[in-house]
Amino acid sequence: MTLIWLGVILVFGGVLQMTFLPIWRGRLSGGRRLRAGQPSDTLEPERPAGGFGFKSNWPGLALVALGAAFLLIGAAI
């Protein structure tokens, strides 16, 4: 039962880590400059948001994988 709870905590922590990483980076469109003082007519950022790639999310993915392994081992025992 301990392995199952440890797996749940690791999966939940990994998902939280992956979701909070882009939030901690700040606003997606905060660095945009407006042309001639006029506001933009769209809310879409000019370039893709950072923080959603595999390179920046590998710790969270590793926590999820380790938690899934603990859940499987706990279910098999």
PDB file of N, CA and C in Angstrom:
ATOM      1  N   MET A   1       0.825  -1.194   0.000  1.00  0.00           N
ATOM      2  CA  MET A   1       0.000   0.000   0.000  1.00  0.00           C
ATOM      3  C   MET A   1       0.871   1.260   0.000  1.00  0.00           C
ATOM      4  N   THR A   2       2.041   1.141   0.625  1.00  0.00           N
ATOM      5  CA  THR A   2       2.953   2.282   0.661  1.00  0.00           C
ATOM      6  C   THR A   2       3.455   2.621  -0.737  1.00  0.00           C
ATOM      7  N   LEU A   3       3.723   1.606  -1.544  1.00  0.00           N
ATOM      8  CA  LEU A   3       4.189   1.862  -2.913  1.00  0.00           C
ATOM      9  C   LEU A   3       3.122   2.564  -3.749  1.00  0.00           C
ATOM     10  N   ILE A   4       1.880   2.207  -3.524  1.00  0.00           N
ATOM     11  CA  ILE A   4       0.794   2.844  -4.272  1.00  0.00           C
ATOM     12  C   ILE A   4       0.684   4.318  -3.910  1.00  0.00           C
ATOM     13  N   TRP A   5       0.736   4.616  -2.623  1.00  0.00           N
ATOM     14  CA  TRP A   5       0.652   6.022  -2.207  1.00  0.00           C
ATOM     15  C   TRP A   5       1.868   6.817  -2.675  1.00  0.00           C
ATOM     16  N   LEU A   6       3.041   6.200  -2.632  1.00  0.00           N
ATOM     17  CA  LEU A   6       4.237   6.874  -3.125  1.00  0.00           C
ATOM     18  C   LEU A   6       4.113   7.131  -4.634  1.00  0.00           C
ATOM     19  N   GLY A   7       3.556   6.170  -5.367  1.00  0.00           N
ATOM     20  CA  GLY A   7       3.331   6.345  -6.798  1.00  0.00           C
ATOM     21  C   GLY A   7       2.347   7.459  -7.093  1.00  0.00           C
ATOM     22  N   VAL A   8       1.284   7.525  -6.310  1.00  0.00           N
ATOM     23  CA  VAL A   8       0.293   8.594  -6.500  1.00  0.00           C
ATOM     24  C   VAL A   8       0.922   9.957  -6.251  1.00  0.00           C
ATOM     25  N   ILE A   9       1.706  10.058  -5.198  1.00  0.00           N
ATOM     26  CA  ILE A   9       2.357  11.332  -4.872  1.00  0.00           C
ATOM     27  C   ILE A   9       3.340  11.732  -5.966  1.00  0.00           C
ATOM     28  N   LEU A  10       4.102  10.765  -6.484  1.00  0.00           N
ATOM     29  CA  LEU A  10       5.066  11.084  -7.542  1.00  0.00           C
ATOM     30  C   LEU A  10       4.371  11.485  -8.841  1.00  0.00           C
ATOM     31  N   VAL A  11       3.310  10.794  -9.223  1.00  0.00           N
ATOM     32  CA  VAL A  11       2.583  11.163 -10.440  1.00  0.00           C
ATOM     33  C   VAL A  11       1.960  12.554 -10.280  1.00  0.00           C
ATOM     34  N   PHE A  12       1.328  12.794  -9.155  1.00  0.00           N
ATOM     35  CA  PHE A  12       0.711  14.097  -8.916  1.00  0.00           C
ATOM     36  C   PHE A  12       1.764  15.209  -8.887  1.00  0.00           C
ATOM     37  N   GLY A  13       2.887  14.954  -8.235  1.00  0.00           N
ATOM     38  CA  GLY A  13       3.962  15.948  -8.195  1.00  0.00           C
ATOM     39  C   GLY A  13       4.557  16.211  -9.568  1.00  0.00           C
ATOM     40  N   GLY A  14       4.692  15.169 -10.390  1.00  0.00           N
ATOM     41  CA  GLY A  14       5.215  15.352 -11.733  1.00  0.00           C
ATOM     42  C   GLY A  14       4.285  16.165 -12.608  1.00  0.00           C
ATOM     43  N   VAL A  15       2.993  15.905 -12.496  1.00  0.00           N
ATOM     44  CA  VAL A  15       2.015  16.681 -13.280  1.00  0.00           C
ATOM     45  C   VAL A  15       2.001  18.133 -12.822  1.00  0.00           C
ATOM     46  N   LEU A  16       2.071  18.354 -11.524  1.00  0.00           N
ATOM     47  CA  LEU A  16       2.120  19.732 -11.028  1.00  0.00           C
ATOM     48  C   LEU A  16       3.380  20.447 -11.487  1.00  0.00           C
ATOM     49  N   GLN A  17       4.493  19.748 -11.481  1.00  0.00           N
ATOM     50  CA  GLN A  17       5.741  20.358 -11.914  1.00  0.00           C
ATOM     51  C   GLN A  17       5.665  20.749 -13.388  1.00  0.00           C
ATOM     52  N   MET A  18       5.079  19.892 -14.207  1.00  0.00           N
ATOM     53  CA  MET A  18       4.967  20.205 -15.636  1.00  0.00           C
ATOM     54  C   MET A  18       3.981  21.335 -15.910  1.00  0.00           C
ATOM     55  N   THR A  19       2.935  21.453 -15.110  1.00  0.00           N
ATOM     56  CA  THR A  19       1.968  22.520 -15.360  1.00  0.00           C
ATOM     57  C   THR A  19       2.418  23.859 -14.802  1.00  0.00           C
ATOM     58  N   PHE A  20       3.138  23.851 -13.695  1.00  0.00           N
ATOM     59  CA  PHE A  20       3.556  25.116 -13.103  1.00  0.00           C
ATOM     60  C   PHE A  20       4.793  25.713 -13.752  1.00  0.00           C
ATOM     61  N   LEU A  21       5.554  24.916 -14.500  1.00  0.00           N
ATOM     62  CA  LEU A  21       6.753  25.442 -15.137  1.00  0.00           C
ATOM     63  C   LEU A  21       6.456  26.603 -16.080  1.00  0.00           C
ATOM     64  N   PRO A  22       5.495  26.499 -16.994  1.00  0.00           N
ATOM     65  CA  PRO A  22       5.196  27.668 -17.845  1.00  0.00           C
ATOM     66  C   PRO A  22       4.610  28.841 -17.055  1.00  0.00           C
ATOM     67  N   ILE A  23       3.875  28.554 -15.982  1.00  0.00           N
ATOM     68  CA  ILE A  23       3.292  29.630 -15.187  1.00  0.00           C
ATOM     69  C   ILE A  23       4.384  30.419 -14.475  1.00  0.00           C
ATOM     70  N   TRP A  24       5.412  29.717 -13.982  1.00  0.00           N
ATOM     71  CA  TRP A  24       6.504  30.392 -13.276  1.00  0.00           C
ATOM     72  C   TRP A  24       7.329  31.262 -14.195  1.00  0.00           C
ATOM     73  N   ARG A  25       7.326  30.969 -15.484  1.00  0.00           N
ATOM     74  CA  ARG A  25       8.104  31.765 -16.427  1.00  0.00           C
ATOM     75  C   ARG A  25       7.521  33.153 -16.636  1.00  0.00           C
ATOM     76  N   GLY A  26       6.285  33.358 -16.290  1.00  0.00           N
ATOM     77  CA  GLY A  26       5.680  34.674 -16.437  1.00  0.00           C
ATOM     78  C   GLY A  26       4.682  34.712 -17.567  1.00  0.00           C
ATOM     79  N   ARG A  27       4.242  35.884 -17.888  1.00  0.00           N
ATOM     80  CA  ARG A  27       3.246  36.063 -18.938  1.00  0.00           C
ATOM     81  C   ARG A  27       3.831  35.691 -20.284  1.00  0.00           C
ATOM     82  N   LEU A  28       3.009  35.068 -21.112  1.00  0.00           N
ATOM     83  CA  LEU A  28       3.469  34.660 -22.434  1.00  0.00           C
ATOM     84  C   LEU A  28       3.638  35.847 -23.363  1.00  0.00           C
ATOM     85  N   SER A  29       2.782  36.835 -23.246  1.00  0.00           N
ATOM     86  CA  SER A  29       2.827  37.965 -24.171  1.00  0.00           C
ATOM     87  C   SER A  29       3.326  39.239 -23.497  1.00  0.00           C
ATOM     88  N   GLY A  30       4.015  39.139 -22.384  1.00  0.00           N
ATOM     89  CA  GLY A  30       4.450  40.326 -21.657  1.00  0.00           C
ATOM     90  C   GLY A  30       5.549  41.100 -22.357  1.00  0.00           C
ATOM     91  N   GLY A  31       6.388  40.430 -23.146  1.00  0.00           N
ATOM     92  CA  GLY A  31       7.511  41.102 -23.774  1.00  0.00           C
ATOM     93  C   GLY A  31       7.210  41.706 -25.124  1.00  0.00           C
ATOM     94  N   ARG A  32       5.986  41.635 -25.578  1.00  0.00           N
ATOM     95  CA  ARG A  32       5.668  42.162 -26.902  1.00  0.00           C
ATOM     96  C   ARG A  32       5.641  43.681 -26.898  1.00  0.00           C
ATOM     97  N   ARG A  33       6.133  44.226 -27.989  1.00  0.00           N
ATOM     98  CA  ARG A  33       6.062  45.678 -28.166  1.00  0.00           C
ATOM     99  C   ARG A  33       4.898  46.013 -29.075  1.00  0.00           C
ATOM    100  N   LEU A  34       4.210  47.049 -28.737  1.00  0.00           N
ATOM    101  CA  LEU A  34       3.085  47.485 -29.571  1.00  0.00           C
ATOM    102  C   LEU A  34       3.591  48.486 -30.596  1.00  0.00           C
ATOM    103  N   ARG A  35       3.069  48.366 -31.801  1.00  0.00           N
ATOM    104  CA  ARG A  35       3.489  49.274 -32.876  1.00  0.00           C
ATOM    105  C   ARG A  35       2.701  50.576 -32.807  1.00  0.00           C
ATOM    106  N   ALA A  36       3.399  51.657 -32.777  1.00  0.00           N
ATOM    107  CA  ALA A  36       2.830  53.004 -32.812  1.00  0.00           C
ATOM    108  C   ALA A  36       1.809  53.232 -31.697  1.00  0.00           C
ATOM    109  N   GLY A  37       1.978  52.533 -30.591  1.00  0.00           N
ATOM    110  CA  GLY A  37       1.088  52.747 -29.456  1.00  0.00           C
ATOM    111  C   GLY A  37      -0.295  52.164 -29.606  1.00  0.00           C
ATOM    112  N   GLN A  38      -0.542  51.399 -30.666  1.00  0.00           N
ATOM    113  CA  GLN A  38      -1.861  50.818 -30.875  1.00  0.00           C
ATOM    114  C   GLN A  38      -1.894  49.399 -30.305  1.00  0.00           C
ATOM    115  N   PRO A  39      -2.982  49.049 -29.651  1.00  0.00           N
ATOM    116  CA  PRO A  39      -3.077  47.690 -29.111  1.00  0.00           C
ATOM    117  C   PRO A  39      -3.239  46.658 -30.221  1.00  0.00           C
ATOM    118  N   SER A  40      -2.813  45.462 -29.933  1.00  0.00           N
ATOM    119  CA  SER A  40      -2.930  44.381 -30.906  1.00  0.00           C
ATOM    120  C   SER A  40      -4.380  43.917 -30.976  1.00  0.00           C
ATOM    121  N   ASP A  41      -4.790  43.390 -32.140  1.00  0.00           N
ATOM    122  CA  ASP A  41      -6.167  42.946 -32.294  1.00  0.00           C
ATOM    123  C   ASP A  41      -6.333  41.453 -31.987  1.00  0.00           C
ATOM    124  N   THR A  42      -5.289  40.803 -31.506  1.00  0.00           N
ATOM    125  CA  THR A  42      -5.383  39.394 -31.155  1.00  0.00           C
ATOM    126  C   THR A  42      -4.695  39.143 -29.820  1.00  0.00           C
ATOM    127  N   LEU A  43      -5.131  38.105 -29.146  1.00  0.00           N
ATOM    128  CA  LEU A  43      -4.507  37.730 -27.879  1.00  0.00           C
ATOM    129  C   LEU A  43      -3.425  36.675 -28.068  1.00  0.00           C
ATOM    130  N   GLU A  44      -3.275  36.188 -29.295  1.00  0.00           N
ATOM    131  CA  GLU A  44      -2.287  35.154 -29.568  1.00  0.00           C
ATOM    132  C   GLU A  44      -0.882  35.751 -29.552  1.00  0.00           C
ATOM    133  N   PRO A  45       0.061  35.095 -28.845  1.00  0.00           N
ATOM    134  CA  PRO A  45       1.431  35.605 -28.839  1.00  0.00           C
ATOM    135  C   PRO A  45       2.075  35.485 -30.221  1.00  0.00           C
ATOM    136  N   GLU A  46       3.056  36.321 -30.494  1.00  0.00           N
ATOM    137  CA  GLU A  46       3.719  36.315 -31.795  1.00  0.00           C
ATOM    138  C   GLU A  46       4.563  35.059 -31.998  1.00  0.00           C
ATOM    139  N   ARG A  47       5.123  34.509 -30.943  1.00  0.00           N
ATOM    140  CA  ARG A  47       5.927  33.298 -31.063  1.00  0.00           C
ATOM    141  C   ARG A  47       5.396  32.240 -30.100  1.00  0.00           C
ATOM    142  N   PRO A  48       5.738  30.979 -30.312  1.00  0.00           N
ATOM    143  CA  PRO A  48       5.235  29.922 -29.435  1.00  0.00           C
ATOM    144  C   PRO A  48       5.720  30.107 -28.005  1.00  0.00           C
ATOM    145  N   ALA A  49       4.932  29.655 -27.084  1.00  0.00           N
ATOM    146  CA  ALA A  49       5.267  29.794 -25.670  1.00  0.00           C
ATOM    147  C   ALA A  49       6.402  28.855 -25.306  1.00  0.00           C
ATOM    148  N   GLY A  50       7.251  29.295 -24.419  1.00  0.00           N
ATOM    149  CA  GLY A  50       8.327  28.452 -23.925  1.00  0.00           C
ATOM    150  C   GLY A  50       7.848  27.615 -22.762  1.00  0.00           C
ATOM    151  N   GLY A  51       8.494  26.499 -22.547  1.00  0.00           N
ATOM    152  CA  GLY A  51       8.173  25.674 -21.402  1.00  0.00           C
ATOM    153  C   GLY A  51       7.319  24.469 -21.685  1.00  0.00           C
ATOM    154  N   PHE A  52       6.949  24.220 -22.937  1.00  0.00           N
ATOM    155  CA  PHE A  52       6.108  23.078 -23.249  1.00  0.00           C
ATOM    156  C   PHE A  52       6.871  21.988 -23.990  1.00  0.00           C
ATOM    157  N   GLY A  53       8.170  22.078 -24.062  1.00  0.00           N
ATOM    158  CA  GLY A  53       8.969  21.092 -24.775  1.00  0.00           C
ATOM    159  C   GLY A  53       9.451  19.970 -23.865  1.00  0.00           C
ATOM    160  N   PHE A  54       9.985  18.920 -24.494  1.00  0.00           N
ATOM    161  CA  PHE A  54      10.490  17.781 -23.726  1.00  0.00           C
ATOM    162  C   PHE A  54      11.711  18.163 -22.902  1.00  0.00           C
ATOM    163  N   LYS A  55      12.547  19.041 -23.446  1.00  0.00           N
ATOM    164  CA  LYS A  55      13.779  19.421 -22.764  1.00  0.00           C
ATOM    165  C   LYS A  55      13.501  20.114 -21.429  1.00  0.00           C
ATOM    166  N   SER A  56      12.489  20.935 -21.371  1.00  0.00           N
ATOM    167  CA  SER A  56      12.193  21.657 -20.129  1.00  0.00           C
ATOM    168  C   SER A  56      11.284  20.866 -19.191  1.00  0.00           C
ATOM    169  N   ASN A  57      10.618  19.827 -19.694  1.00  0.00           N
ATOM    170  CA  ASN A  57       9.680  19.060 -18.863  1.00  0.00           C
ATOM    171  C   ASN A  57      10.202  17.691 -18.454  1.00  0.00           C
ATOM    172  N   TRP A  58      11.468  17.373 -18.701  1.00  0.00           N
ATOM    173  CA  TRP A  58      11.940  16.027 -18.401  1.00  0.00           C
ATOM    174  C   TRP A  58      11.892  15.692 -16.914  1.00  0.00           C
ATOM    175  N   PRO A  59      12.120  16.614 -15.975  1.00  0.00           N
ATOM    176  CA  PRO A  59      11.993  16.209 -14.566  1.00  0.00           C
ATOM    177  C   PRO A  59      10.564  15.790 -14.201  1.00  0.00           C
ATOM    178  N   GLY A  60       9.583  16.502 -14.708  1.00  0.00           N
ATOM    179  CA  GLY A  60       8.193  16.143 -14.439  1.00  0.00           C
ATOM    180  C   GLY A  60       7.817  14.825 -15.086  1.00  0.00           C
ATOM    181  N   LEU A  61       8.294  14.605 -16.309  1.00  0.00           N
ATOM    182  CA  LEU A  61       8.025  13.336 -16.988  1.00  0.00           C
ATOM    183  C   LEU A  61       8.706  12.174 -16.266  1.00  0.00           C
ATOM    184  N   ALA A  62       9.897  12.411 -15.733  1.00  0.00           N
ATOM    185  CA  ALA A  62      10.588  11.362 -14.976  1.00  0.00           C
ATOM    186  C   ALA A  62       9.829  11.029 -13.692  1.00  0.00           C
ATOM    187  N   LEU A  63       9.286  12.036 -13.021  1.00  0.00           N
ATOM    188  CA  LEU A  63       8.490  11.790 -11.814  1.00  0.00           C
ATOM    189  C   LEU A  63       7.225  10.999 -12.140  1.00  0.00           C
ATOM    190  N   VAL A  64       6.582  11.344 -13.242  1.00  0.00           N
ATOM    191  CA  VAL A  64       5.374  10.614 -13.653  1.00  0.00           C
ATOM    192  C   VAL A  64       5.718   9.171 -13.989  1.00  0.00           C
ATOM    193  N   ALA A  65       6.816   8.948 -14.699  1.00  0.00           N
ATOM    194  CA  ALA A  65       7.212   7.581 -15.066  1.00  0.00           C
ATOM    195  C   ALA A  65       7.583   6.764 -13.830  1.00  0.00           C
ATOM    196  N   LEU A  66       8.311   7.371 -12.906  1.00  0.00           N
ATOM    197  CA  LEU A  66       8.679   6.668 -11.674  1.00  0.00           C
ATOM    198  C   LEU A  66       7.445   6.362 -10.831  1.00  0.00           C
ATOM    199  N   GLY A  67       6.526   7.307 -10.755  1.00  0.00           N
ATOM    200  CA  GLY A  67       5.281   7.076 -10.038  1.00  0.00           C
ATOM    201  C   GLY A  67       4.440   5.988 -10.678  1.00  0.00           C
ATOM    202  N   ALA A  68       4.402   5.965 -12.006  1.00  0.00           N
ATOM    203  CA  ALA A  68       3.654   4.906 -12.700  1.00  0.00           C
ATOM    204  C   ALA A  68       4.276   3.545 -12.441  1.00  0.00           C
ATOM    205  N   ALA A  69       5.606   3.499 -12.399  1.00  0.00           N
ATOM    206  CA  ALA A  69       6.275   2.237 -12.089  1.00  0.00           C
ATOM    207  C   ALA A  69       5.931   1.766 -10.670  1.00  0.00           C
ATOM    208  N   PHE A  70       5.928   2.679  -9.723  1.00  0.00           N
ATOM    209  CA  PHE A  70       5.563   2.321  -8.347  1.00  0.00           C
ATOM    210  C   PHE A  70       4.116   1.859  -8.268  1.00  0.00           C
ATOM    211  N   LEU A  71       3.233   2.501  -9.025  1.00  0.00           N
ATOM    212  CA  LEU A  71       1.836   2.074  -9.037  1.00  0.00           C
ATOM    213  C   LEU A  71       1.686   0.669  -9.605  1.00  0.00           C
ATOM    214  N   LEU A  72       2.416   0.371 -10.664  1.00  0.00           N
ATOM    215  CA  LEU A  72       2.350  -0.970 -11.251  1.00  0.00           C
ATOM    216  C   LEU A  72       2.936  -2.017 -10.319  1.00  0.00           C
ATOM    217  N   ILE A  73       4.060  -1.703  -9.684  1.00  0.00           N
ATOM    218  CA  ILE A  73       4.656  -2.655  -8.745  1.00  0.00           C
ATOM    219  C   ILE A  73       3.754  -2.867  -7.539  1.00  0.00           C
ATOM    220  N   GLY A  74       3.161  -1.793  -7.051  1.00  0.00           N
ATOM    221  CA  GLY A  74       2.243  -1.902  -5.921  1.00  0.00           C
ATOM    222  C   GLY A  74       0.995  -2.704  -6.253  1.00  0.00           C
ATOM    223  N   ALA A  75       0.529  -2.606  -7.481  1.00  0.00           N
ATOM    224  CA  ALA A  75      -0.654  -3.373  -7.887  1.00  0.00           C
ATOM    225  C   ALA A  75      -0.324  -4.845  -8.088  1.00  0.00           C
ATOM    226  N   ALA A  76       0.920  -5.137  -8.473  1.00  0.00           N
ATOM    227  CA  ALA A  76       1.323  -6.517  -8.715  1.00  0.00           C
ATOM    228  C   ALA A  76       1.577  -7.272  -7.418  1.00  0.00           C
ATOM    229  N   ILE A  77       1.905  -6.561  -6.375  1.00  0.00           N
ATOM    230  CA  ILE A  77       2.214  -7.223  -5.084  1.00  0.00           C
ATOM    231  C   ILE A  77       0.961  -7.566  -4.330  1.00  0.00           C
TER     232      ILE A  77
END
